[in-house]
Amino acid sequence: MNIKPLFLLLVSGIFINTLTPVAWAEKTVSAPWGGATVTATRYKPQKVVYDVNVGTVEKLVSVLDRASYLSKITGADPFEQSIVLVLHGPEIHFFAIKNHSRYKALMQRAQSLVESETLKIKMCKIAAEGKGYKPGDIHGFVEMVPMGDAEIIRLQYEENHAYMQ
């Protein structure tokens, strides 16, 4: 008996099985409740404040994406809607003018959202100063507020903004 063809058959079977674990898993997983459905929902303009404290570009991009999408699906009405991002964490460094070349694409995106949508970006002056920045060190499309926490509370209780994190 020639063992070489049997060996090749065995090895190729193992190799093929390692390439298709998803197909194998799909055959063995059951969905007793079926798949999810999407409920068609119309959203009215919203007032929202995002409490932003993120340390990576990817996380800030995610916040910008969520806020932008919220603006779009709720009509982007500048008279009825308000979406405010309050920055008070490590992301402050991204908005420093001295870091513009490093975060240029991110800052262009943030500025464009402020310019074209019903979105505002506010920054805690205390947190910025704690990181060595004065108001003049931060890009001009950002509004500096005395204290981020106080601004979040003010927006919630005086202007009826929903809190998002």
Protein backbone atom coordinates (compact mmCIF):
# COMPACT_ATOMS: atom_id res chain seq x y z
CA MET A 1 0.00 0.00 0.00
CA ASN A 2 1.27 3.41 -0.95
CA ILE A 3 1.10 5.67 2.12
CA LYS A 4 1.93 8.92 0.27
CA PRO A 5 -1.56 9.44 -1.33
CA LEU A 6 -3.24 8.59 1.98
CA PHE A 7 -0.97 11.05 3.82
CA LEU A 8 -1.68 13.80 1.25
CA LEU A 9 -5.41 13.20 1.53
CA LEU A 10 -5.26 13.43 5.33
CA VAL A 11 -3.10 16.60 5.31
CA SER A 12 -5.27 18.31 2.67
CA GLY A 13 -8.40 17.53 4.72
CA ILE A 14 -6.86 19.11 7.80
CA PHE A 15 -5.71 22.13 5.75
CA ILE A 16 -9.14 22.66 4.19
CA ASN A 17 -10.84 22.44 7.58
CA THR A 18 -8.55 25.13 9.00
CA LEU A 19 -9.47 27.46 6.13
CA THR A 20 -13.22 27.22 6.58
CA PRO A 21 -14.02 27.45 10.29
CA VAL A 22 -16.79 29.99 9.64
CA ALA A 23 -18.58 27.74 7.16
CA TRP A 24 -18.29 24.85 9.59
CA ALA A 25 -19.56 27.01 12.48
CA GLU A 26 -22.53 28.24 10.42
CA LYS A 27 -23.62 24.68 9.88
CA THR A 28 -23.52 23.84 13.58
CA VAL A 29 -25.04 27.04 15.09
CA SER A 30 -28.79 27.29 15.34
CA ALA A 31 -30.84 30.47 15.58
CA PRO A 32 -33.90 29.46 17.59
CA TRP A 33 -35.19 33.04 17.67
CA GLY A 34 -34.28 33.99 14.11
CA GLY A 35 -32.42 37.17 13.18
CA ALA A 36 -32.99 40.71 14.38
CA THR A 37 -35.23 43.11 12.52
CA VAL A 38 -34.94 46.86 12.09
CA THR A 39 -37.85 48.93 13.30
CA ALA A 40 -38.56 51.88 11.03
CA THR A 41 -38.42 54.90 13.32
CA ARG A 42 -38.58 58.61 12.60
CA TYR A 43 -36.59 60.70 15.05
CA LYS A 44 -37.40 64.30 15.89
CA PRO A 45 -34.64 66.89 16.36
CA GLN A 46 -32.82 66.28 19.63
CA LYS A 47 -30.84 68.21 22.22
CA VAL A 48 -27.88 66.14 23.32
CA VAL A 49 -24.65 66.70 25.23
CA TYR A 50 -21.80 64.22 24.81
CA ASP A 51 -19.44 63.93 27.78
CA VAL A 52 -16.17 63.31 25.93
CA ASN A 53 -13.13 61.91 27.71
CA VAL A 54 -11.20 59.70 25.28
CA GLY A 55 -7.53 58.96 24.82
CA THR A 56 -7.22 57.77 21.23
CA VAL A 57 -7.88 59.18 17.79
CA GLU A 58 -10.04 56.13 17.02
CA LYS A 59 -12.29 56.77 20.01
CA LEU A 60 -12.67 60.45 19.14
CA VAL A 61 -13.49 59.52 15.54
CA SER A 62 -16.17 57.20 16.91
CA VAL A 63 -17.70 60.03 18.97
CA LEU A 64 -17.64 62.36 15.94
CA ASP A 65 -19.25 59.64 13.79
CA ARG A 66 -22.02 59.04 16.32
CA ALA A 67 -22.76 62.73 16.78
CA SER A 68 -22.75 63.33 13.02
CA TYR A 69 -25.06 60.40 12.38
CA LEU A 70 -27.41 61.55 15.14
CA SER A 71 -27.53 64.97 13.53
CA LYS A 72 -28.39 63.48 10.14
CA ILE A 73 -31.09 61.04 11.26
CA THR A 74 -32.82 63.69 13.35
CA GLY A 75 -33.03 66.25 10.56
CA ALA A 76 -30.04 68.53 11.24
CA ASP A 77 -32.41 71.37 12.08
CA PRO A 78 -30.37 74.31 13.43
CA PHE A 79 -33.45 75.83 15.09
CA GLU A 80 -34.76 72.74 16.86
CA GLN A 81 -31.63 70.65 17.40
CA SER A 82 -28.48 71.00 19.48
CA ILE A 83 -25.63 68.51 19.69
CA VAL A 84 -22.77 69.56 21.95
CA LEU A 85 -19.52 67.70 22.59
CA VAL A 86 -17.87 68.75 25.86
CA LEU A 87 -14.17 67.85 25.90
CA HIS A 88 -12.31 67.48 29.18
CA GLY A 89 -9.93 64.54 28.79
CA PRO A 90 -6.82 63.44 26.88
CA GLU A 91 -8.48 64.35 23.56
CA ILE A 92 -7.71 68.00 24.35
CA HIS A 93 -4.20 67.43 22.94
CA PHE A 94 -5.69 66.68 19.50
CA PHE A 95 -7.23 70.20 19.38
CA ALA A 96 -4.03 72.08 20.24
CA ILE A 97 -2.79 74.29 17.42
CA LYS A 98 0.79 73.10 18.00
CA ASN A 99 -0.35 69.53 17.17
CA HIS A 100 -2.14 70.53 13.96
CA SER A 101 0.25 68.77 11.57
CA ARG A 102 -0.04 65.52 13.52
CA TYR A 103 -3.87 65.57 13.74
CA LYS A 104 -4.66 67.62 10.63
CA ALA A 105 -7.21 65.20 9.10
CA LEU A 106 -8.98 64.73 12.43
CA MET A 107 -9.18 68.49 13.01
CA GLN A 108 -10.44 69.11 9.48
CA ARG A 109 -13.21 66.59 10.12
CA ALA A 110 -14.13 68.11 13.49
CA GLN A 111 -14.13 71.66 12.07
CA SER A 112 -16.23 70.55 9.11
CA LEU A 113 -18.85 69.00 11.42
CA VAL A 114 -19.06 72.20 13.44
CA GLU A 115 -19.33 74.27 10.27
CA SER A 116 -21.85 72.15 8.37
CA GLU A 117 -24.03 70.60 11.04
CA THR A 118 -25.87 71.51 14.20
CA LEU A 119 -22.89 70.45 16.26
CA LYS A 120 -20.78 72.45 18.71
CA ILE A 121 -17.52 71.47 20.36
CA LYS A 122 -16.83 72.95 23.77
CA MET A 123 -13.72 72.44 25.89
CA CYS A 124 -13.20 72.67 29.64
CA LYS A 125 -10.83 75.57 30.35
CA ILE A 126 -9.69 74.01 33.64
CA ALA A 127 -8.81 70.70 31.96
CA ALA A 128 -7.03 72.50 29.09
CA GLU A 129 -4.98 74.58 31.52
CA GLY A 130 -4.14 71.42 33.45
CA LYS A 131 -2.58 70.11 30.24
CA GLY A 132 -0.68 73.36 29.67
CA TYR A 133 -3.03 75.03 27.14
CA LYS A 134 -4.51 78.51 27.13
CA PRO A 135 -7.59 79.38 25.04
CA GLY A 136 -5.37 80.83 22.30
CA ASP A 137 -3.57 77.47 21.99
CA ILE A 138 -6.74 75.68 20.85
CA HIS A 139 -8.29 75.75 17.35
CA GLY A 140 -10.81 78.55 16.87
CA PHE A 141 -13.79 76.32 16.03
CA VAL A 142 -13.76 75.12 19.66
CA GLU A 143 -15.59 77.13 22.32
CA MET A 144 -13.83 77.26 25.69
CA VAL A 145 -16.10 77.04 28.76
CA PRO A 146 -15.00 77.69 32.37
CA MET A 147 -15.68 74.11 33.54
CA GLY A 148 -16.74 71.08 31.51
CA ASP A 149 -18.73 69.40 34.28
CA ALA A 150 -20.65 72.60 35.03
CA GLU A 151 -21.40 73.03 31.30
CA ILE A 152 -22.73 69.46 31.04
CA ILE A 153 -24.98 70.06 34.05
CA ARG A 154 -26.13 73.44 32.68
CA LEU A 155 -27.00 71.95 29.31
CA GLN A 156 -28.93 69.12 30.95
CA TYR A 157 -30.92 71.12 33.48
CA GLU A 158 -31.24 74.55 31.88
CA GLU A 159 -31.44 73.66 28.19
CA ASN A 160 -32.93 70.12 28.42
CA HIS A 161 -30.10 68.24 26.71
CA ALA A 162 -30.00 64.46 27.06
CA TYR A 163 -26.70 63.11 28.45
CA MET A 164 -24.57 60.84 26.26
CA GLN A 165 -21.20 59.33 26.98
